[in-house]
Each structure stands twice: as structure tokens, then as C-alpha cells.
């Protein structure tokens, strides 16, 4: 990774969400950022003000001399900036017209519109952050719970990067020692000593990698959320359960069966766990074309769900559709909600327990929402044993790319160990050890391909 800023052209983009708001921010980065802003800005001379200052003034159209907006302009000088380049941030009044007008004036001065994620890409290429930290920026923006935000901040602070760097250095040290032992053999048992050295380090690094992988399942849930399908027969109270978890009346609730005719998706924070809740249309046999499409979508949501909340109406006996769903979801991560528990229960408990374990059952009622807390606790316990655990290094791996590379590096280390058991020559063992070193380097971007950067940063929002 480079440690000095690379020469790039100057770029600009709107860094705040589109639409009306109190303030909009236009960000400019590059060697010509301050000069370009100075041609539009009237106030203090931006070329002479100190870095890390914010300055009051106005933006004018340089051609018509027309005032465009009253602004505050932040001046940040290289290399102590996000991209390690000169950065200008123009804070104008929020709104589409004013913001776009200022951006167009900037682009008219020879500044290029930034690509998605290009500011963060420059921060990486200029050595400001590594690749895993760059990915954490997007995770932080997309965080849906306090816990997922903490995990992203942990990675952005470089904790994962430091651990990976230490592991790579350990591997590099042992590879260097192996080379010395091979090139300058002073003892007859140099082969045995070298093999022992490789084995000890492979076992040590593999243990650290496995410790990280133990956090991967929880980490991926925190990053991407649990795809949670709320399923059941029409009018059992699925939409009521959705509203109770959301703590708002998002879905229409009536006593008319089939009110929900399509899937409704919402994110909800359940004790630090982000759930992508899918309130499905009631699953049942129907001749109605619209309802049939909704039922088909419900079945698809059920097939890909990480968690199934199966809602049963406890005030009526089990129906054939209920039995089918109980059988279909057997073996899946599920919670069976006996809804309308404020009414007299008519479900045959013996029959119900032939389909489900008592630990899967939660009682709920729209009249008395106390069961919502039991449902939330059951969800957290089902996936996190009641708490969210970090590894011994207080690091959690959340990124699918990182998880894949860690698994590959574990395989390379296993090849080293199995090669030692088979008595393979040291030079062949070195190949697998070096491969583990390279794979770990791909996590932080110490080794990467340009295609990877294009793929990663294209997923970023414009202006970041």
C-alpha cells in the first residue's frame, strides 16, 4: 500500500442524501479543490485560510455574477484529510435546486464528478486506510442497530487490520527463518528444526484464524440482518405481530381474512439483532389470481428465510394449512407464536407438541402485547444464546469476503500441517505457507487486483 498521496484529478460530489433538508454538503477533493472553490466563493480568501477551518460567505456564479446561496465552507489541507488530498466541503441550504446548482458550477471549472465510493477509494490508495477499513465505512453507513454500528467502528478503528498484520508478520518471520536454515545449514538436523518451526507457526496462526471464524456467523447476522418470514394462515394475526415488533402500525390490520395480499418488508432492531421482517400473505389454497401471486411470494420468502415466525390462531383448532406449515418448517430455525392468547385456547396441545418442541412456542396477543418481549428474547437466544459474543481479540468478522479469505487461509495452513505429516520437502511447505500470507493480505488490501477495487467501491454511495 502506498504511503504518499497519488496524483489524481480533482473530483466533486454531493455527500448528503438527495431531497429537502436543513443542509446539503458538496465535497471536493484533489490538488485543485481550493482553487476551484475560490472561484465561486466570496468571503475570506480560501487559499490563505488555515486548514481545518470553516468559513462563512456566499457562492456566486462566476459568469453571471449572480448570488447562488449563503454557505459555510470547510477547508482541509493535505495530508491531514480523509483522502490525504486537499478537501473542500461546501455547506449550503438543503434542497435539490441550490445543491445541484453549486455542483454544476464546480463541474464547470474542470472538476470531475466523482464515481460511487471514489473518495474512500482514494483514502485507500493514498494509504489513509486499508481495504478492510474502507469496507467498514460502508458497513457503518448501512448499520441497522447499535451493535452492528459498534462492530463497524471496531473494524474502522483498525482492530481487524492490526490482527491481520500481526499474523502476516508472524508468517513472514518464519518464512525468513526457513530460508536462512535452508541456505546456511549449520546442523545435520536442519530439516527437522525447520519443519518443527513451520508446524509451530502454522498451528499458532491457524488457531487465531479459527478464533476469528467463530465470530463469522454472528457477525454476518449483525451486518446483513436475519431474513425473517412471518407466515401462517390468513387472519391469524401475522400483521399484528409485525406491528408489535416494529412498535408502530405499519401493516393494515382488520378482521377480514386476506387483508395482506403481498409481502411487506421492514427492518427492526431486536436486542441488537437486525431483523429483515417479511410479513407474508396468508398461505392457503385460493383461486383468486392476486392472492395466488401473494401466496407464491410467501412460499419463496419462507424458502430463503434465516428465521421463521409461524403464527397460529390459538382460538381455533389446527387447520390443514397449519399442519402443512408445521411440517414444512420442521428443522428450520423457527418460533411458533400462539396468537390471540387472550381468547380461550382451542388448539389440541397434544397434537401441537407432536409437531413442535415446547421451547419453540411463544404466546402473544394484540390486546396484551407483553408476549412481544418473550418473542424478542427468544429470537436473540436462538441466534446469540442470549448475548452477542466477540472473539478473544474483541473483533468480530462480518464481511463475506473476509470470511471467505479466512477460510481459504485456514485451508492453506491445513495443507502445511498435512504436508508435514506426510514428510513433504520444506520448499513445498513454503508454498502453502506463502499462500496463507497472501490470502490474509487480500483482507487488508496489501495484495489486491484492480477488478476487486472496482467491484467493492462501486457498491458505495455517491459522495463517500
Protein backbone atom coordinates (compact mmCIF):
# COMPACT_ATOMS: atom_id res chain seq x y z
CA UNK A 1 0.00 0.00 0.00
CA UNK A 2 1.25 3.48 -0.84
CA UNK A 3 2.19 5.83 1.97
CA UNK A 4 2.15 9.05 -0.03
CA UNK A 5 -0.72 10.63 -1.89
CA UNK A 6 -1.04 9.54 -5.51
CA UNK A 7 -1.63 12.25 -8.10
CA UNK A 8 -5.28 12.22 -9.13
CA UNK A 9 -7.56 14.67 -10.88
CA UNK A 10 -9.91 16.75 -8.75
CA UNK A 11 -13.37 15.28 -8.08
CA UNK A 12 -16.62 16.50 -6.56
CA UNK A 13 -19.98 15.05 -5.49
CA UNK A 14 -22.94 15.74 -3.24
CA UNK A 15 -22.31 13.90 0.03
CA UNK A 16 -25.76 14.26 1.59
CA UNK A 17 -28.92 12.35 0.62
CA UNK A 18 -31.00 13.87 -2.18
CA UNK A 19 -34.13 15.83 -1.33
CA UNK A 20 -35.07 18.61 1.05
CA UNK A 21 -33.13 19.06 4.27
CA UNK A 22 -31.57 21.61 6.57
CA UNK A 23 -28.11 21.41 4.98
CA UNK A 24 -26.55 19.88 1.90
CA UNK A 25 -22.82 19.21 1.54
CA UNK A 26 -20.84 19.27 -1.70
CA UNK A 27 -17.43 17.68 -1.29
CA UNK A 28 -14.40 18.45 -3.50
CA UNK A 29 -11.11 16.52 -3.29
CA UNK A 30 -7.87 16.97 -5.19
CA UNK A 31 -5.00 19.34 -5.79
CA UNK A 32 -7.29 21.94 -7.44
CA UNK A 33 -10.07 21.75 -4.86
CA UNK A 34 -9.22 25.00 -3.05
CA UNK A 35 -8.59 26.95 -6.25
CA UNK A 36 -11.87 25.77 -7.77
CA UNK A 37 -13.89 26.68 -4.68
CA UNK A 38 -12.18 30.10 -4.52
CA UNK A 39 -13.56 31.00 -7.96
CA UNK A 40 -17.12 30.61 -6.67
CA UNK A 41 -16.78 31.76 -3.07
CA UNK A 42 -16.83 35.29 -1.70
CA UNK A 43 -15.60 35.77 1.82
CA UNK A 44 -12.13 35.13 3.19
CA UNK A 45 -9.54 34.05 0.63
CA UNK A 46 -9.74 30.25 0.88
CA UNK A 47 -6.21 29.94 -0.49
CA UNK A 48 -4.88 31.76 2.59
CA UNK A 49 -7.07 30.48 5.43
CA UNK A 50 -5.72 27.85 7.79
CA UNK A 51 -6.57 24.20 7.36
CA UNK A 52 -9.37 22.58 9.34
CA UNK A 53 -11.39 25.81 9.45
CA UNK A 54 -14.95 26.63 8.44
CA UNK A 55 -15.63 29.95 6.78
CA UNK A 56 -18.80 31.99 6.23
CA UNK A 57 -19.56 33.55 2.86
CA UNK A 58 -21.58 33.28 -0.35
CA UNK A 59 -21.36 31.32 -3.60
CA UNK A 60 -21.64 33.33 -6.82
CA UNK A 61 -21.97 32.24 -10.43
CA UNK A 62 -18.64 33.43 -11.91
CA UNK A 63 -20.21 34.07 -15.34
CA UNK A 64 -23.35 36.00 -14.37
CA UNK A 65 -22.10 37.33 -11.02
CA UNK A 66 -25.41 36.15 -9.56
CA UNK A 67 -25.57 35.11 -5.91
CA UNK A 68 -26.44 31.41 -5.63
CA UNK A 69 -26.52 30.72 -1.87
CA UNK A 70 -25.28 31.64 1.58
CA UNK A 71 -22.76 28.98 2.63
CA UNK A 72 -20.23 27.73 5.15
CA UNK A 73 -17.07 26.36 3.54
CA UNK A 74 -14.76 23.89 5.32
CA UNK A 75 -11.12 23.92 4.21
CA UNK A 76 -8.99 20.84 4.92
CA UNK A 77 -5.43 20.73 3.68
CA UNK A 78 -3.45 17.66 2.65
CA UNK A 79 -2.27 15.34 4.02
CA UNK A 80 -4.43 15.61 7.17
CA UNK A 81 -7.69 14.83 5.39
CA UNK A 82 -9.89 11.82 4.64
CA UNK A 83 -8.35 11.32 1.18
CA UNK A 84 -4.92 12.79 2.09
CA UNK A 85 -5.67 15.40 -0.59
CA UNK A 86 -6.94 18.96 -0.27
CA UNK A 87 -10.64 18.80 0.55
CA UNK A 88 -13.34 21.48 0.39
CA UNK A 89 -16.82 20.91 1.80
CA UNK A 90 -19.45 23.49 0.88
CA UNK A 91 -22.35 23.51 3.33
CA UNK A 92 -25.32 25.11 1.59
CA UNK A 93 -29.04 25.24 2.30
CA UNK A 94 -30.64 21.84 1.81
CA UNK A 95 -32.68 21.38 -1.32
CA UNK A 96 -32.30 19.96 -4.78
CA UNK A 97 -32.07 23.21 -6.75
CA UNK A 98 -29.41 25.04 -4.71
CA UNK A 99 -27.29 21.94 -4.19
CA UNK A 100 -27.28 20.90 -7.84
CA UNK A 101 -26.63 24.47 -8.97
CA UNK A 102 -23.47 24.70 -6.87
CA UNK A 103 -22.32 21.26 -8.01
CA UNK A 104 -22.81 22.22 -11.68
CA UNK A 105 -20.79 25.41 -11.16
CA UNK A 106 -17.95 23.37 -9.65
CA UNK A 107 -18.02 20.85 -12.51
CA UNK A 108 -17.91 23.77 -14.96
CA UNK A 109 -14.46 24.64 -13.59
CA UNK A 110 -12.89 21.41 -14.87
CA UNK A 111 -13.61 19.35 -11.77
CA UNK A 112 -14.86 15.81 -12.49
CA UNK A 113 -17.97 14.22 -10.95
CA UNK A 114 -16.81 11.53 -8.52
CA UNK A 115 -17.74 7.90 -9.01
CA UNK A 116 -19.51 6.00 -6.20
CA UNK A 117 -17.06 5.43 -3.35
CA UNK A 118 -14.23 7.30 -5.06
CA UNK A 119 -13.39 9.45 -2.04
CA UNK A 120 -12.95 6.32 0.09
CA UNK A 121 -11.06 4.61 -2.73
CA UNK A 122 -8.59 7.48 -2.75
CA UNK A 123 -8.26 7.22 1.01
CA UNK A 124 -7.25 3.59 0.49
CA UNK A 125 -4.93 4.17 -2.48
CA UNK A 126 -3.22 7.04 -0.66
CA UNK A 127 -2.54 4.91 2.42
CA UNK A 128 -5.04 6.68 4.71
CA UNK A 129 -6.92 3.42 5.44
CA UNK A 130 -6.60 -0.20 4.38
CA UNK A 131 -9.19 -2.18 2.43
CA UNK A 132 -10.91 -3.72 5.44
CA UNK A 133 -11.31 -0.24 6.96
CA UNK A 134 -12.70 1.06 3.68
CA UNK A 135 -15.33 -1.69 3.73
CA UNK A 136 -16.12 -0.79 7.35
CA UNK A 137 -17.06 2.71 6.18
CA UNK A 138 -19.91 1.26 4.14
CA UNK A 139 -20.86 -1.09 6.98
CA UNK A 140 -21.07 1.92 9.29
CA UNK A 141 -23.35 3.77 6.88
CA UNK A 142 -25.60 0.71 6.49
CA UNK A 143 -25.63 -0.26 10.18
CA UNK A 144 -29.16 -1.00 11.34
CA UNK A 145 -28.56 -1.46 15.07
CA UNK A 146 -26.28 -0.05 17.77
CA UNK A 147 -24.44 -3.36 17.93
CA UNK A 148 -23.78 -3.53 14.17
CA UNK A 149 -22.54 0.07 14.36
CA UNK A 150 -20.10 -0.85 17.16
CA UNK A 151 -18.75 -3.77 15.13
CA UNK A 152 -18.23 -1.50 12.10
CA UNK A 153 -16.49 1.14 14.24
CA UNK A 154 -14.25 -1.54 15.72
CA UNK A 155 -13.15 -2.52 12.21
CA UNK A 156 -12.84 1.10 11.08
CA UNK A 157 -10.53 1.77 14.03
CA UNK A 158 -8.20 -0.83 12.54
CA UNK A 159 -8.51 -3.61 15.13
CA UNK A 160 -9.00 -6.29 12.49
CA UNK A 161 -6.26 -4.75 10.36
CA UNK A 162 -3.76 -4.85 13.23
CA UNK A 163 -4.53 -8.50 13.97
CA UNK A 164 -4.17 -9.50 10.31
CA UNK A 165 -0.94 -7.50 10.03
CA UNK A 166 0.50 -9.29 13.08
CA UNK A 167 -0.46 -12.70 11.69
CA UNK A 168 1.16 -11.89 8.34
CA UNK A 169 4.30 -10.68 10.09
CA UNK A 170 4.48 -13.91 12.10
CA UNK A 171 4.25 -15.92 8.87
CA UNK A 172 6.83 -13.69 7.19
CA UNK A 173 9.24 -14.11 10.11
CA UNK A 174 9.02 -17.88 9.99
CA UNK A 175 9.42 -17.93 6.19
CA UNK A 176 12.55 -15.79 6.52
CA UNK A 177 13.93 -18.14 9.20
CA UNK A 178 13.20 -21.13 6.97
CA UNK A 179 15.17 -19.51 4.15
CA UNK A 180 18.12 -18.92 6.48
CA UNK A 181 18.05 -22.53 7.68
CA UNK A 182 17.96 -23.83 4.13
CA UNK A 183 20.64 -21.53 2.73
CA UNK A 184 23.02 -21.75 5.70
CA UNK A 185 22.65 -25.22 7.23
CA UNK A 186 24.86 -25.41 10.32
CA UNK A 187 23.40 -28.58 11.77
CA UNK A 188 22.72 -32.05 10.43
CA UNK A 189 19.13 -31.92 11.67
CA UNK A 190 18.30 -28.60 9.94
CA UNK A 191 15.39 -30.21 8.09
CA UNK A 192 13.85 -31.36 11.38
CA UNK A 193 14.34 -27.96 13.00
CA UNK A 194 12.81 -26.14 10.02
CA UNK A 195 9.81 -28.44 9.88
CA UNK A 196 9.23 -28.01 13.60
CA UNK A 197 9.39 -24.23 13.19
CA UNK A 198 6.84 -24.29 10.36
CA UNK A 199 4.49 -26.58 12.30
CA UNK A 200 4.52 -24.43 15.43
CA UNK A 201 3.76 -21.26 13.49
CA UNK A 202 1.09 -22.90 11.30
CA UNK A 203 -0.71 -24.19 14.40
CA UNK A 204 -0.48 -20.80 16.09
CA UNK A 205 -1.77 -18.79 13.13
CA UNK A 206 -4.48 -21.36 12.36
CA UNK A 207 -5.77 -21.02 15.93
CA UNK A 208 -6.08 -17.24 15.51
CA UNK A 209 -7.85 -17.65 12.17
CA UNK A 210 -10.29 -20.17 13.64
CA UNK A 211 -10.99 -17.80 16.53
CA UNK A 212 -11.98 -15.14 14.02
CA UNK A 213 -14.14 -17.57 12.04
CA UNK A 214 -16.06 -18.46 15.19
CA UNK A 215 -17.47 -14.94 15.15
CA UNK A 216 -18.38 -15.05 11.46
CA UNK A 217 -21.92 -16.39 11.80
CA UNK A 218 -22.92 -13.81 14.39
CA UNK A 219 -21.04 -11.10 12.54
CA UNK A 220 -22.79 -11.76 9.25
CA UNK A 221 -26.16 -11.61 11.02
CA UNK A 222 -25.27 -8.23 12.55
CA UNK A 223 -24.11 -6.90 9.18
CA UNK A 224 -26.81 -8.22 6.87
CA UNK A 225 -29.67 -8.91 9.26
CA UNK A 226 -31.80 -12.01 9.64
CA UNK A 227 -34.23 -12.69 6.84
CA UNK A 228 -37.32 -13.38 8.95
CA UNK A 229 -40.54 -14.64 7.39
CA UNK A 230 -43.79 -14.24 9.34
CA UNK A 231 -46.05 -16.97 7.97
CA UNK A 232 -49.40 -18.52 8.76
CA UNK A 233 -52.98 -19.00 7.64
CA UNK A 234 -54.94 -15.83 6.69
CA UNK A 235 -56.23 -13.79 9.63
CA UNK A 236 -54.09 -15.46 12.31
CA UNK A 237 -52.54 -12.09 13.23
CA UNK A 238 -49.28 -12.00 11.22
CA UNK A 239 -49.56 -8.27 10.56
CA UNK A 240 -50.29 -7.67 14.26
CA UNK A 241 -47.04 -9.47 15.14
CA UNK A 242 -45.19 -7.29 12.61
CA UNK A 243 -46.66 -4.13 14.13
CA UNK A 244 -45.81 -5.25 17.66
CA UNK A 245 -42.16 -5.88 16.72
CA UNK A 246 -41.96 -2.56 14.86
CA UNK A 247 -43.71 -0.74 17.73
CA UNK A 248 -45.85 1.04 15.14
CA UNK A 249 -48.91 0.35 12.98
CA UNK A 250 -47.07 -0.28 9.72
CA UNK A 251 -49.28 -3.05 8.33
CA UNK A 252 -53.05 -2.77 7.94
CA UNK A 253 -54.83 -4.97 10.48
CA UNK A 254 -58.50 -5.96 10.11
CA UNK A 255 -60.65 -8.93 10.99
CA UNK A 256 -61.09 -9.59 7.27
CA UNK A 257 -59.09 -12.60 6.09
CA UNK A 258 -56.61 -11.86 3.29
CA UNK A 259 -56.03 -8.17 4.09
CA UNK A 260 -52.31 -8.67 3.37
CA UNK A 261 -52.16 -9.81 -0.26
CA UNK A 262 -48.44 -9.23 -0.87
CA UNK A 263 -45.22 -9.39 1.16
CA UNK A 264 -44.31 -6.38 3.35
CA UNK A 265 -40.61 -5.90 4.26
CA UNK A 266 -39.35 -3.88 7.22
CA UNK A 267 -36.16 -3.79 9.31
CA UNK A 268 -36.42 -3.94 13.09
CA UNK A 269 -33.88 -3.93 15.92
CA UNK A 270 -34.43 -6.84 18.29
CA UNK A 271 -31.98 -6.61 21.21
CA UNK A 272 -29.17 -5.52 18.91
CA UNK A 273 -30.03 -8.03 16.18
CA UNK A 274 -31.27 -6.53 12.87
CA UNK A 275 -34.26 -8.45 11.51
CA UNK A 276 -35.49 -8.07 7.96
CA UNK A 277 -39.12 -8.84 8.71
CA UNK A 278 -41.26 -10.14 5.87
CA UNK A 279 -44.99 -10.11 6.63
CA UNK A 280 -46.35 -12.57 4.08
CA UNK A 281 -49.75 -13.09 2.58
CA UNK A 282 -51.64 -15.91 4.26
CA UNK A 283 -50.54 -19.29 2.88
CA UNK A 284 -53.62 -21.22 1.79
CA UNK A 285 -55.35 -22.66 -1.25
CA UNK A 286 -57.06 -19.96 -3.32
CA UNK A 287 -58.48 -19.38 -6.80
CA UNK A 288 -58.05 -15.60 -6.60
CA UNK A 289 -55.27 -14.65 -9.07
CA UNK A 290 -53.92 -11.79 -6.95
CA UNK A 291 -53.98 -13.84 -3.75
CA UNK A 292 -52.30 -16.73 -5.55
CA UNK A 293 -49.36 -14.49 -6.53
CA UNK A 294 -49.08 -13.33 -2.90
CA UNK A 295 -49.08 -16.93 -1.66
CA UNK A 296 -46.34 -17.88 -4.16
CA UNK A 297 -44.20 -14.97 -2.95
CA UNK A 298 -44.83 -16.03 0.63
CA UNK A 299 -43.55 -19.52 -0.16
CA UNK A 300 -40.39 -18.06 -1.72
CA UNK A 301 -39.82 -15.86 1.35
CA UNK A 302 -40.21 -18.96 3.51
CA UNK A 303 -37.62 -20.91 1.48
CA UNK A 304 -34.86 -18.29 1.90
CA UNK A 305 -35.65 -17.27 5.50
CA UNK A 306 -32.99 -17.49 8.22
CA UNK A 307 -35.78 -17.42 10.79
CA UNK A 308 -39.45 -18.38 10.52
CA UNK A 309 -42.08 -16.92 12.83
CA UNK A 310 -45.02 -19.27 12.35
CA UNK A 311 -48.22 -17.68 13.68
CA UNK A 312 -51.13 -19.85 14.77
CA UNK A 313 -54.55 -18.69 15.94
CA UNK A 314 -54.90 -20.29 19.38
CA UNK A 315 -58.64 -19.54 19.45
CA UNK A 316 -59.38 -22.13 16.73
CA UNK A 317 -58.40 -25.74 16.19
CA UNK A 318 -55.43 -26.59 13.98
CA UNK A 319 -56.29 -26.47 10.28
CA UNK A 320 -54.79 -28.48 7.46
CA UNK A 321 -52.80 -25.41 6.31
CA UNK A 322 -51.41 -25.07 9.85
CA UNK A 323 -50.31 -28.70 9.87
CA UNK A 324 -48.65 -28.31 6.45
CA UNK A 325 -46.69 -25.28 7.65
CA UNK A 326 -45.67 -27.02 10.87
CA UNK A 327 -44.30 -29.92 8.82
CA UNK A 328 -42.72 -27.66 6.19
CA UNK A 329 -40.83 -25.58 8.76
CA UNK A 330 -39.68 -28.57 10.80
CA UNK A 331 -35.89 -28.48 11.08
CA UNK A 332 -35.75 -24.76 10.30
CA UNK A 333 -34.89 -22.02 12.78
CA UNK A 334 -38.40 -21.13 13.87
CA UNK A 335 -40.57 -19.73 16.61
CA UNK A 336 -44.22 -20.75 16.82
CA UNK A 337 -46.40 -17.89 18.05
CA UNK A 338 -49.76 -18.84 19.53
CA UNK A 339 -51.57 -15.60 18.85
CA UNK A 340 -54.88 -14.34 20.27
CA UNK A 341 -53.94 -15.91 23.59
CA UNK A 342 -56.38 -13.55 25.33
CA UNK A 343 -59.15 -15.79 23.95
CA UNK A 344 -59.98 -19.32 25.04
CA UNK A 345 -57.49 -21.75 23.51
CA UNK A 346 -58.97 -24.43 21.27
CA UNK A 347 -55.72 -25.93 19.96
CA UNK A 348 -55.13 -29.55 20.93
CA UNK A 349 -51.88 -29.21 22.87
CA UNK A 350 -51.00 -32.90 22.46
CA UNK A 351 -51.31 -32.62 18.68
CA UNK A 352 -49.35 -29.35 18.64
CA UNK A 353 -46.50 -30.89 20.64
CA UNK A 354 -46.26 -33.69 18.11
CA UNK A 355 -45.05 -31.02 15.67
CA UNK A 356 -43.10 -28.60 17.86
CA UNK A 357 -40.94 -28.55 20.97
CA UNK A 358 -42.30 -26.53 23.87
CA UNK A 359 -39.21 -24.28 23.74
CA UNK A 360 -40.28 -23.07 20.28
CA UNK A 361 -43.65 -21.74 21.49
CA UNK A 362 -44.39 -18.13 22.44
CA UNK A 363 -47.81 -16.77 23.43
CA UNK A 364 -48.91 -13.40 22.10
CA UNK A 365 -51.93 -11.13 21.84
CA UNK A 366 -52.56 -7.76 20.22
CA UNK A 367 -54.70 -6.91 23.26
CA UNK A 368 -51.87 -7.69 25.69
CA UNK A 369 -48.50 -7.13 23.94
CA UNK A 370 -46.39 -8.48 26.83
CA UNK A 371 -45.65 -11.55 24.72
CA UNK A 372 -43.62 -9.35 22.37
CA UNK A 373 -40.80 -9.23 24.93
CA UNK A 374 -40.80 -13.04 25.13
CA UNK A 375 -40.65 -13.22 21.35
CA UNK A 376 -37.74 -10.78 21.16
CA UNK A 377 -35.82 -12.65 23.87
CA UNK A 378 -36.43 -15.95 22.09
CA UNK A 379 -35.07 -14.54 18.82
CA UNK A 380 -31.90 -13.24 20.50
CA UNK A 381 -31.40 -16.52 22.35
CA UNK A 382 -31.96 -18.58 19.22
CA UNK A 383 -29.13 -16.90 17.32
CA UNK A 384 -26.85 -15.50 20.01
CA UNK A 385 -27.55 -17.70 23.02
CA UNK A 386 -28.94 -14.59 24.70
CA UNK A 387 -25.88 -12.44 24.14
CA UNK A 388 -23.61 -11.25 21.35
CA UNK A 389 -20.13 -12.61 21.82
CA UNK A 390 -16.89 -11.26 20.42
CA UNK A 391 -13.71 -13.22 19.87
CA UNK A 392 -10.89 -13.14 22.38
CA UNK A 393 -9.44 -10.21 20.45
CA UNK A 394 -12.72 -8.26 20.77
CA UNK A 395 -13.04 -8.49 16.98
CA UNK A 396 -15.99 -9.79 15.00
CA UNK A 397 -15.78 -10.73 11.33
CA UNK A 398 -18.87 -9.58 9.44
CA UNK A 399 -17.79 -9.32 5.81
CA UNK A 400 -18.46 -12.28 3.47
CA UNK A 401 -15.25 -11.52 1.52
CA UNK A 402 -13.18 -11.59 4.70
CA UNK A 403 -14.84 -14.83 5.83
CA UNK A 404 -14.05 -16.50 2.51
CA UNK A 405 -10.40 -15.42 2.62
CA UNK A 406 -10.03 -16.59 6.23
CA UNK A 407 -11.42 -20.00 5.28
CA UNK A 408 -9.00 -20.23 2.36
CA UNK A 409 -6.07 -19.27 4.57
CA UNK A 410 -7.15 -21.93 7.08
CA UNK A 411 -7.12 -24.49 4.23
CA UNK A 412 -3.61 -23.36 3.22
CA UNK A 413 -2.40 -23.78 6.81
CA UNK A 414 -4.03 -27.22 6.95
CA UNK A 415 -2.08 -28.10 3.80
CA UNK A 416 1.13 -27.08 5.58
CA UNK A 417 0.32 -29.32 8.55
CA UNK A 418 -0.78 -32.29 6.45
CA UNK A 419 2.32 -31.86 4.29
CA UNK A 420 4.49 -32.04 7.39
CA UNK A 421 2.74 -35.25 8.47
CA UNK A 422 3.42 -36.75 5.04
CA UNK A 423 7.08 -35.73 5.16
CA UNK A 424 6.93 -33.32 2.21
CA UNK A 425 10.03 -31.23 1.40
CA UNK A 426 10.31 -27.83 3.09
CA UNK A 427 10.25 -25.91 -0.19
CA UNK A 428 6.79 -27.32 -0.95
CA UNK A 429 5.58 -26.47 2.55
CA UNK A 430 6.75 -22.91 1.97
CA UNK A 431 4.38 -22.57 -0.99
CA UNK A 432 1.30 -23.21 1.15
CA UNK A 433 2.61 -21.01 3.97
CA UNK A 434 3.19 -18.18 1.48
CA UNK A 435 -0.31 -18.70 0.09
CA UNK A 436 -1.77 -18.21 3.57
CA UNK A 437 0.25 -15.00 3.87
CA UNK A 438 -1.09 -13.73 0.51
CA UNK A 439 -4.70 -14.60 1.33
CA UNK A 440 -4.57 -12.71 4.63
CA UNK A 441 -3.09 -9.77 2.74
CA UNK A 442 -6.13 -9.65 0.47
CA UNK A 443 -8.28 -8.82 3.52
CA UNK A 444 -6.41 -5.60 4.21
CA UNK A 445 -5.58 -4.87 0.57
CA UNK A 446 -1.83 -5.43 0.89
CA UNK A 447 -2.36 -7.64 -2.15
CA UNK A 448 -5.27 -6.96 -4.46
CA UNK A 449 -6.40 -6.74 -8.10
CA UNK A 450 -7.86 -3.62 -9.70
CA UNK A 451 -11.03 -5.55 -10.54
CA UNK A 452 -11.60 -6.08 -6.82
CA UNK A 453 -11.42 -2.35 -6.12
CA UNK A 454 -13.87 -1.58 -8.92
CA UNK A 455 -16.31 -4.15 -7.55
CA UNK A 456 -16.04 -3.04 -3.92
CA UNK A 457 -16.22 0.72 -4.31
CA UNK A 458 -19.00 0.61 -6.91
CA UNK A 459 -21.25 -0.53 -4.03
CA UNK A 460 -20.61 2.69 -2.11
CA UNK A 461 -22.96 5.65 -2.18
CA UNK A 462 -22.05 8.67 -4.31
CA UNK A 463 -20.10 11.26 -2.34
CA UNK A 464 -18.44 8.84 0.11
